[in-house]
Amino acid sequence: MSVQDLKNAVKSGLYRNHKWRVFLNFPEFAGTADVVKQASVLARTSKTPPSTMGVIEVPFEGRTVPIPGDRSFEEFAVTILATNDMRVRNTLEIWSEAMNGSESNTTTSLNYADLVRDHTFQLLDINDNVVKEYTLQDAWPTLVDGIDTDRGSMDSSSEFNVTFRYLQAKTNTTR
């Protein structure tokens, strides 16, 4: 292989890992379109939604033959910068409380569609054009993580993690 082979292989450009955005589509009872935009801006780290192909082990004449099984989707995590107004965090907490109240131990709705939302995760090129998009269908927060506090940490900002479960991820390559 030569340097020219490498140059030819990356003609479209290399993906830059800081060029992405996420749209957390909150239920209307929890947050407004302004909070969706704020969450997108404050989202600091994440990764593309992972999936795993299961394996069916089939015994055959003293050997085990692996056969592709069912696909499962891993949880999707986003790290969000915390702000003094706590709008994004409050929205996530309201959403979580609607699914199961901390005091009441009940839901606010028996309608599944009221409690889940589709989220969008996009990878962008250097000009902010979408090069890959994932739609996480029927997502809901399973974890609104705590905010670490530290009196000795004067020159840093706070952040928290949010973890979502979802039915499946759709892209331009799914069928």
C-alpha atoms as a PDB file:
ATOM      1  CA  MET A   1       0.000   0.000   0.000  1.00  0.00           C
ATOM      2  CA  SER A   2       1.087   3.542  -0.662  1.00  0.00           C
ATOM      3  CA  VAL A   3       0.347   7.033   0.587  1.00  0.00           C
ATOM      4  CA  GLN A   4      -1.681   7.548  -2.595  1.00  0.00           C
ATOM      5  CA  ASP A   5      -3.870   4.567  -1.633  1.00  0.00           C
ATOM      6  CA  LEU A   6      -4.587   6.262   1.695  1.00  0.00           C
ATOM      7  CA  LYS A   7      -5.346   9.579  -0.006  1.00  0.00           C
ATOM      8  CA  ASN A   8      -7.754   7.831  -2.367  1.00  0.00           C
ATOM      9  CA  ALA A   9      -9.437   6.011   0.514  1.00  0.00           C
ATOM     10  CA  VAL A  10     -10.198   9.264   2.362  1.00  0.00           C
ATOM     11  CA  LYS A  11     -11.270  11.358  -0.642  1.00  0.00           C
ATOM     12  CA  SER A  12     -14.588  12.213   1.002  1.00  0.00           C
ATOM     13  CA  GLY A  13     -12.721  13.483   4.081  1.00  0.00           C
ATOM     14  CA  LEU A  14     -12.192  12.015   7.519  1.00  0.00           C
ATOM     15  CA  TYR A  15     -15.031  12.236  10.008  1.00  0.00           C
ATOM     16  CA  ARG A  16     -14.280  14.616  12.902  1.00  0.00           C
ATOM     17  CA  ASN A  17     -15.590  13.284  16.222  1.00  0.00           C
ATOM     18  CA  HIS A  18     -16.643  16.725  17.478  1.00  0.00           C
ATOM     19  CA  LYS A  19     -19.085  17.248  14.564  1.00  0.00           C
ATOM     20  CA  TRP A  20     -22.416  15.823  15.744  1.00  0.00           C
ATOM     21  CA  ARG A  21     -25.729  16.843  17.269  1.00  0.00           C
ATOM     22  CA  VAL A  22     -28.577  15.192  19.087  1.00  0.00           C
ATOM     23  CA  PHE A  23     -32.237  16.167  19.261  1.00  0.00           C
ATOM     24  CA  LEU A  24     -33.935  14.893  22.400  1.00  0.00           C
ATOM     25  CA  ASN A  25     -37.609  15.120  21.554  1.00  0.00           C
ATOM     26  CA  PHE A  26     -39.253  15.649  24.952  1.00  0.00           C
ATOM     27  CA  PRO A  27     -42.954  14.950  25.583  1.00  0.00           C
ATOM     28  CA  GLU A  28     -45.020  18.147  25.512  1.00  0.00           C
ATOM     29  CA  PHE A  29     -45.928  17.827  29.199  1.00  0.00           C
ATOM     30  CA  ALA A  30     -42.234  17.879  30.124  1.00  0.00           C
ATOM     31  CA  GLY A  31     -40.561  20.474  27.901  1.00  0.00           C
ATOM     32  CA  THR A  32     -40.918  22.912  25.044  1.00  0.00           C
ATOM     33  CA  ALA A  33     -39.131  23.248  21.700  1.00  0.00           C
ATOM     34  CA  ASP A  34     -36.779  25.741  23.395  1.00  0.00           C
ATOM     35  CA  VAL A  35     -35.627  23.031  25.812  1.00  0.00           C
ATOM     36  CA  VAL A  36     -35.080  20.611  22.901  1.00  0.00           C
ATOM     37  CA  LYS A  37     -32.789  23.205  21.286  1.00  0.00           C
ATOM     38  CA  GLN A  38     -31.046  23.947  24.594  1.00  0.00           C
ATOM     39  CA  ALA A  39     -30.402  20.229  25.178  1.00  0.00           C
ATOM     40  CA  SER A  40     -28.952  19.915  21.673  1.00  0.00           C
ATOM     41  CA  VAL A  41     -26.542  22.784  22.311  1.00  0.00           C
ATOM     42  CA  LEU A  42     -25.573  21.560  25.803  1.00  0.00           C
ATOM     43  CA  ALA A  43     -25.009  17.921  24.790  1.00  0.00           C
ATOM     44  CA  ARG A  44     -21.279  17.440  25.246  1.00  0.00           C
ATOM     45  CA  THR A  45     -20.484  13.780  24.621  1.00  0.00           C
ATOM     46  CA  SER A  46     -22.203  10.724  23.210  1.00  0.00           C
ATOM     47  CA  LYS A  47     -21.570   7.955  20.700  1.00  0.00           C
ATOM     48  CA  THR A  48     -23.462   6.385  17.834  1.00  0.00           C
ATOM     49  CA  PRO A  49     -26.197   4.002  18.984  1.00  0.00           C
ATOM     50  CA  PRO A  50     -24.677   0.522  19.332  1.00  0.00           C
ATOM     51  CA  SER A  51     -26.423  -2.718  18.405  1.00  0.00           C
ATOM     52  CA  THR A  52     -25.442  -6.328  18.903  1.00  0.00           C
ATOM     53  CA  MET A  53     -26.260  -9.370  16.811  1.00  0.00           C
ATOM     54  CA  GLY A  54     -27.136 -12.350  18.944  1.00  0.00           C
ATOM     55  CA  VAL A  55     -25.705 -15.754  18.184  1.00  0.00           C
ATOM     56  CA  ILE A  56     -27.582 -19.045  18.052  1.00  0.00           C
ATOM     57  CA  GLU A  57     -25.213 -21.896  18.847  1.00  0.00           C
ATOM     58  CA  VAL A  58     -26.277 -24.971  16.856  1.00  0.00           C
ATOM     59  CA  PRO A  59     -24.601 -28.267  17.847  1.00  0.00           C
ATOM     60  CA  PHE A  60     -23.662 -30.270  14.759  1.00  0.00           C
ATOM     61  CA  GLU A  61     -21.568 -33.443  14.648  1.00  0.00           C
ATOM     62  CA  GLY A  62     -19.369 -32.570  17.604  1.00  0.00           C
ATOM     63  CA  ARG A  63     -19.003 -28.900  16.684  1.00  0.00           C
ATOM     64  CA  THR A  64     -20.943 -25.771  17.433  1.00  0.00           C
ATOM     65  CA  VAL A  65     -22.034 -23.792  14.389  1.00  0.00           C
ATOM     66  CA  PRO A  66     -22.725 -20.097  15.100  1.00  0.00           C
ATOM     67  CA  ILE A  67     -25.809 -18.748  13.319  1.00  0.00           C
ATOM     68  CA  PRO A  68     -26.817 -15.049  13.353  1.00  0.00           C
ATOM     69  CA  GLY A  69     -29.639 -14.442  15.834  1.00  0.00           C
ATOM     70  CA  ASP A  70     -31.728 -11.459  16.850  1.00  0.00           C
ATOM     71  CA  ARG A  71     -30.455  -7.894  17.036  1.00  0.00           C
ATOM     72  CA  SER A  72     -30.538  -6.060  20.357  1.00  0.00           C
ATOM     73  CA  PHE A  73     -29.935  -2.368  20.922  1.00  0.00           C
ATOM     74  CA  GLU A  74     -27.735  -1.092  23.715  1.00  0.00           C
ATOM     75  CA  GLU A  75     -28.636   1.902  25.840  1.00  0.00           C
ATOM     76  CA  PHE A  76     -27.897   5.360  24.431  1.00  0.00           C
ATOM     77  CA  ALA A  77     -26.068   7.802  26.716  1.00  0.00           C
ATOM     78  CA  VAL A  78     -25.601  11.564  26.421  1.00  0.00           C
ATOM     79  CA  THR A  79     -23.560  13.849  28.672  1.00  0.00           C
ATOM     80  CA  ILE A  80     -25.186  17.261  29.099  1.00  0.00           C
ATOM     81  CA  LEU A  81     -23.672  20.432  30.526  1.00  0.00           C
ATOM     82  CA  ALA A  82     -25.611  21.629  33.577  1.00  0.00           C
ATOM     83  CA  THR A  83     -26.857  25.228  33.598  1.00  0.00           C
ATOM     84  CA  ASN A  84     -28.064  27.366  36.498  1.00  0.00           C
ATOM     85  CA  ASP A  85     -31.676  27.308  35.279  1.00  0.00           C
ATOM     86  CA  MET A  86     -31.631  23.467  35.215  1.00  0.00           C
ATOM     87  CA  ARG A  87     -34.203  23.522  32.378  1.00  0.00           C
ATOM     88  CA  VAL A  88     -32.897  20.439  30.591  1.00  0.00           C
ATOM     89  CA  ARG A  89     -32.413  18.482  33.814  1.00  0.00           C
ATOM     90  CA  ASN A  90     -35.831  19.510  35.137  1.00  0.00           C
ATOM     91  CA  THR A  91     -37.439  18.443  31.856  1.00  0.00           C
ATOM     92  CA  LEU A  92     -35.808  15.017  32.080  1.00  0.00           C
ATOM     93  CA  GLU A  93     -36.873  14.660  35.724  1.00  0.00           C
ATOM     94  CA  ILE A  94     -40.477  15.622  34.891  1.00  0.00           C
ATOM     95  CA  TRP A  95     -40.476  13.050  32.087  1.00  0.00           C
ATOM     96  CA  SER A  96     -39.066  10.377  34.384  1.00  0.00           C
ATOM     97  CA  GLU A  97     -41.582  11.206  37.135  1.00  0.00           C
ATOM     98  CA  ALA A  98     -44.443  10.897  34.632  1.00  0.00           C
ATOM     99  CA  MET A  99     -43.414   7.301  33.927  1.00  0.00           C
ATOM    100  CA  ASN A 100     -43.229   6.415  37.610  1.00  0.00           C
ATOM    101  CA  GLY A 101     -43.716   8.968  40.385  1.00  0.00           C
ATOM    102  CA  SER A 102     -41.170   8.843  43.204  1.00  0.00           C
ATOM    103  CA  GLU A 103     -43.894   9.297  45.835  1.00  0.00           C
ATOM    104  CA  SER A 104     -47.005   7.964  44.091  1.00  0.00           C
ATOM    105  CA  ASN A 105     -45.344   4.939  42.413  1.00  0.00           C
ATOM    106  CA  THR A 106     -47.809   5.436  39.541  1.00  0.00           C
ATOM    107  CA  THR A 107     -47.695   6.677  35.965  1.00  0.00           C
ATOM    108  CA  THR A 108     -49.485   9.746  34.650  1.00  0.00           C
ATOM    109  CA  SER A 109     -50.625   7.886  31.527  1.00  0.00           C
ATOM    110  CA  LEU A 110     -51.349   4.324  30.562  1.00  0.00           C
ATOM    111  CA  ASN A 111     -50.827   5.279  26.907  1.00  0.00           C
ATOM    112  CA  TYR A 112     -47.354   4.111  25.839  1.00  0.00           C
ATOM    113  CA  ALA A 113     -47.158   6.805  23.144  1.00  0.00           C
ATOM    114  CA  ASP A 114     -47.454   9.537  25.805  1.00  0.00           C
ATOM    115  CA  LEU A 115     -44.273   8.393  27.539  1.00  0.00           C
ATOM    116  CA  VAL A 116     -41.836   7.632  24.695  1.00  0.00           C
ATOM    117  CA  ARG A 117     -40.386   9.809  21.950  1.00  0.00           C
ATOM    118  CA  ASP A 118     -38.145   9.425  18.916  1.00  0.00           C
ATOM    119  CA  HIS A 119     -34.693  11.020  19.268  1.00  0.00           C
ATOM    120  CA  THR A 120     -32.349  11.940  16.432  1.00  0.00           C
ATOM    121  CA  PHE A 121     -28.562  11.638  16.501  1.00  0.00           C
ATOM    122  CA  GLN A 122     -26.657  13.125  13.544  1.00  0.00           C
ATOM    123  CA  LEU A 123     -23.056  12.943  12.409  1.00  0.00           C
ATOM    124  CA  LEU A 124     -21.967  16.077  10.525  1.00  0.00           C
ATOM    125  CA  ASP A 125     -19.252  16.904   8.034  1.00  0.00           C
ATOM    126  CA  ILE A 126     -16.955  19.900   8.378  1.00  0.00           C
ATOM    127  CA  ASN A 127     -19.674  22.162   6.880  1.00  0.00           C
ATOM    128  CA  ASP A 128     -22.374  20.847   9.276  1.00  0.00           C
ATOM    129  CA  ASN A 129     -24.090  18.780   6.584  1.00  0.00           C
ATOM    130  CA  VAL A 130     -25.626  15.555   7.876  1.00  0.00           C
ATOM    131  CA  VAL A 131     -23.580  12.556   6.714  1.00  0.00           C
ATOM    132  CA  LYS A 132     -25.334   9.934   8.884  1.00  0.00           C
ATOM    133  CA  GLU A 133     -28.532  10.079  10.914  1.00  0.00           C
ATOM    134  CA  TYR A 134     -29.877   7.687  13.527  1.00  0.00           C
ATOM    135  CA  THR A 135     -33.484   7.788  14.706  1.00  0.00           C
ATOM    136  CA  LEU A 136     -33.937   6.148  18.090  1.00  0.00           C
ATOM    137  CA  GLN A 137     -37.537   5.006  18.073  1.00  0.00           C
ATOM    138  CA  ASP A 138     -39.700   5.042  21.218  1.00  0.00           C
ATOM    139  CA  ALA A 139     -36.937   6.273  23.517  1.00  0.00           C
ATOM    140  CA  TRP A 140     -37.316   7.095  27.202  1.00  0.00           C
ATOM    141  CA  PRO A 141     -34.846   7.986  29.970  1.00  0.00           C
ATOM    142  CA  THR A 142     -33.786   5.146  32.255  1.00  0.00           C
ATOM    143  CA  LEU A 143     -31.193   7.196  34.127  1.00  0.00           C
ATOM    144  CA  VAL A 144     -30.879  10.899  34.901  1.00  0.00           C
ATOM    145  CA  ASP A 145     -27.521  10.730  36.622  1.00  0.00           C
ATOM    146  CA  GLY A 146     -26.407  12.914  39.491  1.00  0.00           C
ATOM    147  CA  ILE A 147     -24.342  16.068  39.112  1.00  0.00           C
ATOM    148  CA  ASP A 148     -20.933  15.732  40.730  1.00  0.00           C
ATOM    149  CA  THR A 149     -20.142  18.551  43.142  1.00  0.00           C
ATOM    150  CA  ASP A 150     -16.692  19.506  44.448  1.00  0.00           C
ATOM    151  CA  ARG A 151     -15.835  22.636  46.498  1.00  0.00           C
ATOM    152  CA  GLY A 152     -12.219  22.373  45.349  1.00  0.00           C
ATOM    153  CA  SER A 153     -13.083  22.534  41.674  1.00  0.00           C
ATOM    154  CA  MET A 154     -13.280  26.261  40.967  1.00  0.00           C
ATOM    155  CA  ASP A 155     -12.587  26.474  37.237  1.00  0.00           C
ATOM    156  CA  SER A 156     -14.810  23.784  35.773  1.00  0.00           C
ATOM    157  CA  SER A 157     -18.403  23.327  34.730  1.00  0.00           C
ATOM    158  CA  SER A 158     -20.836  20.651  35.870  1.00  0.00           C
ATOM    159  CA  GLU A 159     -22.458  18.029  33.721  1.00  0.00           C
ATOM    160  CA  PHE A 160     -24.679  14.985  34.060  1.00  0.00           C
ATOM    161  CA  ASN A 161     -25.332  11.836  32.080  1.00  0.00           C
ATOM    162  CA  VAL A 162     -28.678  10.693  30.716  1.00  0.00           C
ATOM    163  CA  THR A 163     -29.239   7.145  29.537  1.00  0.00           C
ATOM    164  CA  PHE A 164     -32.074   6.171  27.189  1.00  0.00           C
ATOM    165  CA  ARG A 165     -33.594   2.844  26.224  1.00  0.00           C
ATOM    166  CA  TYR A 166     -35.301   2.608  22.861  1.00  0.00           C
ATOM    167  CA  LEU A 167     -37.060   0.099  20.662  1.00  0.00           C
ATOM    168  CA  GLN A 168     -34.661   0.272  17.725  1.00  0.00           C
ATOM    169  CA  ALA A 169     -32.417   2.629  15.770  1.00  0.00           C
ATOM    170  CA  LYS A 170     -33.181   3.461  12.139  1.00  0.00           C
ATOM    171  CA  THR A 171     -30.625   4.756   9.641  1.00  0.00           C
ATOM    172  CA  ASN A 172     -30.187   4.944   5.893  1.00  0.00           C
ATOM    173  CA  THR A 173     -28.864   1.372   6.035  1.00  0.00           C
ATOM    174  CA  THR A 174     -31.690  -0.306   7.969  1.00  0.00           C
ATOM    175  CA  ARG A 175     -34.412  -2.248   6.190  1.00  0.00           C
END
